[in-house]
């Protein structure tokens, strides 16, 4: 069969070919797929379910770049579920103020040794990209992760620290502060002068 007798066929070429990557992956600036750790769905945020959150700890820490200071709250709902949220940023970066369950964060970091801010983006899908990095900075400041010794761009899980330990410490400090304020007020009655 010669070329002249070959049947004519039409080919459609898709110019927007994207690499075949895992659904749980994001593309890095070098066009490489970085697979994010498997996470379960984030439990409903307390404001969506009208669950009251009692703030146990309010704190601040530097961002990962050190160019701003981030404010955060650690809270507890009435089912003893711990939550974390960002409340302020002295820099200009936008972020989500939604509560995220600490159990989901712990699931993300447990056993991990190559965490980046991209790893934390999975906690806040369709929200500001800053939120993941800011939450990572708070988790680092709380001592749950630390810089990886082999690569300073990665962070690794610190197995000795948990959100539960941090919450217990915050409750103990709150109780001590209340005891101090009660004891300061005791024994300061004015006595009548006897004539």
C-alpha atoms as a PDB file:
ATOM      1  CA  UNK A   1       0.000   0.000   0.000  1.00  0.00           C
ATOM      2  CA  UNK A   2       1.435   3.356  -0.985  1.00  0.00           C
ATOM      3  CA  UNK A   3       0.976   6.685   0.724  1.00  0.00           C
ATOM      4  CA  UNK A   4      -1.322   7.893  -2.055  1.00  0.00           C
ATOM      5  CA  UNK A   5      -3.808   5.115  -1.275  1.00  0.00           C
ATOM      6  CA  UNK A   6      -3.826   5.582   2.523  1.00  0.00           C
ATOM      7  CA  UNK A   7      -7.146   6.759   4.010  1.00  0.00           C
ATOM      8  CA  UNK A   8      -7.202  10.355   5.235  1.00  0.00           C
ATOM      9  CA  UNK A   9      -7.507  10.802   8.992  1.00  0.00           C
ATOM     10  CA  UNK A  10      -7.823  13.923  11.087  1.00  0.00           C
ATOM     11  CA  UNK A  11      -5.974  14.291  14.376  1.00  0.00           C
ATOM     12  CA  UNK A  12      -6.937  16.758  17.093  1.00  0.00           C
ATOM     13  CA  UNK A  13      -4.045  17.952  19.200  1.00  0.00           C
ATOM     14  CA  UNK A  14      -4.747  19.314  22.683  1.00  0.00           C
ATOM     15  CA  UNK A  15      -2.294  22.156  23.258  1.00  0.00           C
ATOM     16  CA  UNK A  16      -3.175  22.411  26.961  1.00  0.00           C
ATOM     17  CA  UNK A  17      -1.746  19.077  28.013  1.00  0.00           C
ATOM     18  CA  UNK A  18      -1.325  18.882  31.732  1.00  0.00           C
ATOM     19  CA  UNK A  19       0.741  16.275  33.537  1.00  0.00           C
ATOM     20  CA  UNK A  20      -1.158  13.345  34.978  1.00  0.00           C
ATOM     21  CA  UNK A  21      -0.773  13.869  38.726  1.00  0.00           C
ATOM     22  CA  UNK A  22      -2.381  12.521  41.837  1.00  0.00           C
ATOM     23  CA  UNK A  23      -5.586  14.310  42.937  1.00  0.00           C
ATOM     24  CA  UNK A  24      -3.831  15.099  46.213  1.00  0.00           C
ATOM     25  CA  UNK A  25      -0.895  16.883  44.536  1.00  0.00           C
ATOM     26  CA  UNK A  26      -0.002  20.466  43.739  1.00  0.00           C
ATOM     27  CA  UNK A  27       2.408  21.753  41.139  1.00  0.00           C
ATOM     28  CA  UNK A  28       5.592  23.403  42.395  1.00  0.00           C
ATOM     29  CA  UNK A  29       7.156  26.405  40.618  1.00  0.00           C
ATOM     30  CA  UNK A  30       9.473  23.917  38.827  1.00  0.00           C
ATOM     31  CA  UNK A  31       6.423  22.144  37.297  1.00  0.00           C
ATOM     32  CA  UNK A  32       6.959  19.111  39.498  1.00  0.00           C
ATOM     33  CA  UNK A  33       4.082  17.460  41.302  1.00  0.00           C
ATOM     34  CA  UNK A  34       4.312  17.558  45.091  1.00  0.00           C
ATOM     35  CA  UNK A  35       1.956  15.034  46.657  1.00  0.00           C
ATOM     36  CA  UNK A  36       0.290  16.327  49.783  1.00  0.00           C
ATOM     37  CA  UNK A  37      -0.234  13.953  52.697  1.00  0.00           C
ATOM     38  CA  UNK A  38      -3.617  12.251  52.829  1.00  0.00           C
ATOM     39  CA  UNK A  39      -5.994  14.054  55.156  1.00  0.00           C
ATOM     40  CA  UNK A  40      -9.544  13.435  56.116  1.00  0.00           C
ATOM     41  CA  UNK A  41     -12.176  16.048  55.593  1.00  0.00           C
ATOM     42  CA  UNK A  42     -11.912  18.974  57.944  1.00  0.00           C
ATOM     43  CA  UNK A  43     -14.665  18.785  60.558  1.00  0.00           C
ATOM     44  CA  UNK A  44     -17.248  21.548  60.257  1.00  0.00           C
ATOM     45  CA  UNK A  45     -15.992  24.867  61.510  1.00  0.00           C
ATOM     46  CA  UNK A  46     -17.611  25.909  64.795  1.00  0.00           C
ATOM     47  CA  UNK A  47     -19.221  29.028  63.332  1.00  0.00           C
ATOM     48  CA  UNK A  48     -20.959  26.793  60.778  1.00  0.00           C
ATOM     49  CA  UNK A  49     -22.457  24.582  63.485  1.00  0.00           C
ATOM     50  CA  UNK A  50     -23.009  27.204  66.195  1.00  0.00           C
ATOM     51  CA  UNK A  51     -20.731  25.331  68.598  1.00  0.00           C
ATOM     52  CA  UNK A  52     -19.290  27.656  71.220  1.00  0.00           C
ATOM     53  CA  UNK A  53     -15.504  27.719  71.380  1.00  0.00           C
ATOM     54  CA  UNK A  54     -13.829  28.629  74.659  1.00  0.00           C
ATOM     55  CA  UNK A  55     -10.485  30.301  73.980  1.00  0.00           C
ATOM     56  CA  UNK A  56      -7.827  28.602  76.096  1.00  0.00           C
ATOM     57  CA  UNK A  57      -4.781  30.386  74.779  1.00  0.00           C
ATOM     58  CA  UNK A  58      -4.201  33.542  72.802  1.00  0.00           C
ATOM     59  CA  UNK A  59      -0.721  34.184  71.527  1.00  0.00           C
ATOM     60  CA  UNK A  60       1.471  35.651  68.852  1.00  0.00           C
ATOM     61  CA  UNK A  61       4.488  34.485  66.884  1.00  0.00           C
ATOM     62  CA  UNK A  62       6.600  35.570  63.936  1.00  0.00           C
ATOM     63  CA  UNK A  63       5.634  34.470  60.438  1.00  0.00           C
ATOM     64  CA  UNK A  64       7.966  31.985  58.733  1.00  0.00           C
ATOM     65  CA  UNK A  65       9.725  34.859  56.944  1.00  0.00           C
ATOM     66  CA  UNK A  66       9.922  36.931  60.117  1.00  0.00           C
ATOM     67  CA  UNK A  67       8.422  39.953  58.334  1.00  0.00           C
ATOM     68  CA  UNK A  68       5.218  40.028  60.373  1.00  0.00           C
ATOM     69  CA  UNK A  69       3.716  38.911  63.664  1.00  0.00           C
ATOM     70  CA  UNK A  70       0.735  36.560  63.647  1.00  0.00           C
ATOM     71  CA  UNK A  71      -1.947  36.390  66.319  1.00  0.00           C
ATOM     72  CA  UNK A  72      -3.686  33.096  67.021  1.00  0.00           C
ATOM     73  CA  UNK A  73      -6.162  31.426  69.371  1.00  0.00           C
ATOM     74  CA  UNK A  74      -6.341  27.855  70.620  1.00  0.00           C
ATOM     75  CA  UNK A  75      -9.858  26.891  71.645  1.00  0.00           C
ATOM     76  CA  UNK A  76     -11.958  24.046  72.983  1.00  0.00           C
ATOM     77  CA  UNK A  77     -15.532  23.204  72.057  1.00  0.00           C
ATOM     78  CA  UNK A  78     -18.117  21.574  74.314  1.00  0.00           C
ATOM     79  CA  UNK A  79     -17.170  18.130  72.931  1.00  0.00           C
ATOM     80  CA  UNK A  80     -13.520  18.583  74.038  1.00  0.00           C
ATOM     81  CA  UNK A  81     -12.329  19.058  70.437  1.00  0.00           C
ATOM     82  CA  UNK A  82      -9.404  21.469  70.156  1.00  0.00           C
ATOM     83  CA  UNK A  83      -9.363  24.133  67.430  1.00  0.00           C
ATOM     84  CA  UNK A  84      -6.830  26.651  66.167  1.00  0.00           C
ATOM     85  CA  UNK A  85      -7.364  29.862  64.230  1.00  0.00           C
ATOM     86  CA  UNK A  86      -5.453  32.901  63.093  1.00  0.00           C
ATOM     87  CA  UNK A  87      -6.764  36.231  64.380  1.00  0.00           C
ATOM     88  CA  UNK A  88      -4.262  38.864  63.213  1.00  0.00           C
ATOM     89  CA  UNK A  89      -1.287  39.662  61.016  1.00  0.00           C
ATOM     90  CA  UNK A  90       0.824  42.804  61.362  1.00  0.00           C
ATOM     91  CA  UNK A  91       1.816  42.461  57.687  1.00  0.00           C
ATOM     92  CA  UNK A  92      -0.330  42.945  54.630  1.00  0.00           C
ATOM     93  CA  UNK A  93      -1.042  39.269  53.813  1.00  0.00           C
ATOM     94  CA  UNK A  94      -4.646  38.100  53.782  1.00  0.00           C
ATOM     95  CA  UNK A  95      -5.631  34.943  55.667  1.00  0.00           C
ATOM     96  CA  UNK A  96      -8.668  32.938  56.763  1.00  0.00           C
ATOM     97  CA  UNK A  97      -9.937  33.413  60.312  1.00  0.00           C
ATOM     98  CA  UNK A  98     -11.772  30.082  60.311  1.00  0.00           C
ATOM     99  CA  UNK A  99     -11.221  27.575  63.105  1.00  0.00           C
ATOM    100  CA  UNK A 100      -9.520  24.330  62.066  1.00  0.00           C
ATOM    101  CA  UNK A 101      -9.620  21.163  64.157  1.00  0.00           C
ATOM    102  CA  UNK A 102      -6.261  20.456  65.796  1.00  0.00           C
ATOM    103  CA  UNK A 103      -6.845  16.743  65.197  1.00  0.00           C
ATOM    104  CA  UNK A 104      -6.672  17.424  61.448  1.00  0.00           C
ATOM    105  CA  UNK A 105      -3.442  19.402  61.846  1.00  0.00           C
ATOM    106  CA  UNK A 106      -1.938  16.604  63.946  1.00  0.00           C
ATOM    107  CA  UNK A 107      -2.965  14.070  61.317  1.00  0.00           C
ATOM    108  CA  UNK A 108      -1.134  16.170  58.711  1.00  0.00           C
ATOM    109  CA  UNK A 109       2.099  16.544  60.695  1.00  0.00           C
ATOM    110  CA  UNK A 110       2.346  13.185  62.479  1.00  0.00           C
ATOM    111  CA  UNK A 111       5.463  11.381  61.291  1.00  0.00           C
ATOM    112  CA  UNK A 112       6.187  13.970  58.593  1.00  0.00           C
ATOM    113  CA  UNK A 113       9.747  15.104  57.929  1.00  0.00           C
ATOM    114  CA  UNK A 114       9.329  17.140  54.722  1.00  0.00           C
ATOM    115  CA  UNK A 115       6.593  19.629  55.608  1.00  0.00           C
ATOM    116  CA  UNK A 116       6.379  22.919  53.721  1.00  0.00           C
ATOM    117  CA  UNK A 117       3.777  25.665  53.744  1.00  0.00           C
ATOM    118  CA  UNK A 118       2.253  23.913  50.716  1.00  0.00           C
ATOM    119  CA  UNK A 119       1.544  20.922  52.953  1.00  0.00           C
ATOM    120  CA  UNK A 120      -0.720  23.114  55.101  1.00  0.00           C
ATOM    121  CA  UNK A 121      -2.720  24.525  52.164  1.00  0.00           C
ATOM    122  CA  UNK A 122      -4.834  21.350  52.201  1.00  0.00           C
ATOM    123  CA  UNK A 123      -6.330  22.521  55.524  1.00  0.00           C
ATOM    124  CA  UNK A 124      -7.913  25.564  53.871  1.00  0.00           C
ATOM    125  CA  UNK A 125      -9.001  24.696  50.332  1.00  0.00           C
ATOM    126  CA  UNK A 126     -10.157  27.671  48.271  1.00  0.00           C
ATOM    127  CA  UNK A 127      -8.889  30.166  50.883  1.00  0.00           C
ATOM    128  CA  UNK A 128      -5.974  32.581  50.849  1.00  0.00           C
ATOM    129  CA  UNK A 129      -2.700  30.805  50.067  1.00  0.00           C
ATOM    130  CA  UNK A 130      -1.099  32.675  52.986  1.00  0.00           C
ATOM    131  CA  UNK A 131      -3.242  30.808  55.513  1.00  0.00           C
ATOM    132  CA  UNK A 132      -1.337  27.520  55.200  1.00  0.00           C
ATOM    133  CA  UNK A 133       2.039  29.168  55.764  1.00  0.00           C
ATOM    134  CA  UNK A 134       0.723  31.258  58.635  1.00  0.00           C
ATOM    135  CA  UNK A 135      -0.767  28.197  60.359  1.00  0.00           C
ATOM    136  CA  UNK A 136       2.544  26.411  59.830  1.00  0.00           C
ATOM    137  CA  UNK A 137       4.323  29.309  61.588  1.00  0.00           C
ATOM    138  CA  UNK A 138       1.947  29.017  64.568  1.00  0.00           C
ATOM    139  CA  UNK A 139       2.352  25.227  64.738  1.00  0.00           C
ATOM    140  CA  UNK A 140       6.129  25.734  64.672  1.00  0.00           C
ATOM    141  CA  UNK A 141       5.969  28.393  67.408  1.00  0.00           C
ATOM    142  CA  UNK A 142       3.878  26.037  69.555  1.00  0.00           C
ATOM    143  CA  UNK A 143       6.653  23.447  69.214  1.00  0.00           C
ATOM    144  CA  UNK A 144       4.783  20.769  67.259  1.00  0.00           C
ATOM    145  CA  UNK A 145       7.177  21.003  64.283  1.00  0.00           C
ATOM    146  CA  UNK A 146      10.778  22.115  63.871  1.00  0.00           C
ATOM    147  CA  UNK A 147      13.145  22.868  61.010  1.00  0.00           C
ATOM    148  CA  UNK A 148      14.439  19.680  59.381  1.00  0.00           C
ATOM    149  CA  UNK A 149      18.129  19.203  60.179  1.00  0.00           C
ATOM    150  CA  UNK A 150      18.931  17.933  56.668  1.00  0.00           C
ATOM    151  CA  UNK A 151      17.100  20.660  54.731  1.00  0.00           C
ATOM    152  CA  UNK A 152      16.201  24.024  56.230  1.00  0.00           C
ATOM    153  CA  UNK A 153      13.305  24.478  53.775  1.00  0.00           C
ATOM    154  CA  UNK A 154      11.496  21.481  55.273  1.00  0.00           C
ATOM    155  CA  UNK A 155      10.016  20.996  58.713  1.00  0.00           C
ATOM    156  CA  UNK A 156       9.494  17.827  60.687  1.00  0.00           C
ATOM    157  CA  UNK A 157       7.130  16.620  63.367  1.00  0.00           C
ATOM    158  CA  UNK A 158       8.209  16.877  67.012  1.00  0.00           C
ATOM    159  CA  UNK A 159       6.761  13.766  68.599  1.00  0.00           C
ATOM    160  CA  UNK A 160       7.112  14.969  72.197  1.00  0.00           C
ATOM    161  CA  UNK A 161       4.597  17.830  71.829  1.00  0.00           C
ATOM    162  CA  UNK A 162       0.830  17.661  71.205  1.00  0.00           C
ATOM    163  CA  UNK A 163      -1.997  20.183  71.047  1.00  0.00           C
ATOM    164  CA  UNK A 164      -3.514  18.446  74.072  1.00  0.00           C
ATOM    165  CA  UNK A 165      -0.396  19.167  76.151  1.00  0.00           C
ATOM    166  CA  UNK A 166      -0.445  22.811  75.058  1.00  0.00           C
ATOM    167  CA  UNK A 167      -4.146  23.098  75.951  1.00  0.00           C
ATOM    168  CA  UNK A 168      -3.624  21.532  79.388  1.00  0.00           C
ATOM    169  CA  UNK A 169      -0.748  23.916  80.078  1.00  0.00           C
ATOM    170  CA  UNK A 170      -2.944  26.869  79.041  1.00  0.00           C
ATOM    171  CA  UNK A 171      -5.764  25.720  81.350  1.00  0.00           C
ATOM    172  CA  UNK A 172      -3.348  25.295  84.280  1.00  0.00           C
ATOM    173  CA  UNK A 173      -1.960  28.800  83.709  1.00  0.00           C
ATOM    174  CA  UNK A 174      -5.508  30.211  83.528  1.00  0.00           C
ATOM    175  CA  UNK A 175      -6.431  28.487  86.799  1.00  0.00           C
ATOM    176  CA  UNK A 176      -3.292  29.819  88.524  1.00  0.00           C
ATOM    177  CA  UNK A 177      -4.065  33.344  87.298  1.00  0.00           C
ATOM    178  CA  UNK A 178      -7.600  33.093  88.718  1.00  0.00           C
ATOM    179  CA  UNK A 179      -6.283  31.872  92.077  1.00  0.00           C
ATOM    180  CA  UNK A 180      -3.835  34.758  92.256  1.00  0.00           C
ATOM    181  CA  UNK A 181      -6.561  37.313  91.512  1.00  0.00           C
ATOM    182  CA  UNK A 182      -8.845  35.787  94.191  1.00  0.00           C
ATOM    183  CA  UNK A 183      -6.081  35.730  96.823  1.00  0.00           C
ATOM    184  CA  UNK A 184      -5.142  39.363  96.128  1.00  0.00           C
ATOM    185  CA  UNK A 185      -8.665  40.468  96.944  1.00  0.00           C
ATOM    186  CA  UNK A 186      -8.908  38.488 100.178  1.00  0.00           C
ATOM    187  CA  UNK A 187      -8.037  40.033 103.542  1.00  0.00           C
ATOM    188  CA  UNK A 188      -8.265  43.670 102.560  1.00  0.00           C
ATOM    189  CA  UNK A 189     -11.203  44.777 104.669  1.00  0.00           C
ATOM    190  CA  UNK A 190     -11.189  48.148 106.251  1.00  0.00           C
ATOM    191  CA  UNK A 191     -11.477  48.033 110.010  1.00  0.00           C
ATOM    192  CA  UNK A 192     -13.582  50.451 111.957  1.00  0.00           C
ATOM    193  CA  UNK A 193     -11.642  52.625 114.307  1.00  0.00           C
ATOM    194  CA  UNK A 194     -12.730  52.031 117.845  1.00  0.00           C
ATOM    195  CA  UNK A 195     -13.349  55.251 119.726  1.00  0.00           C
END
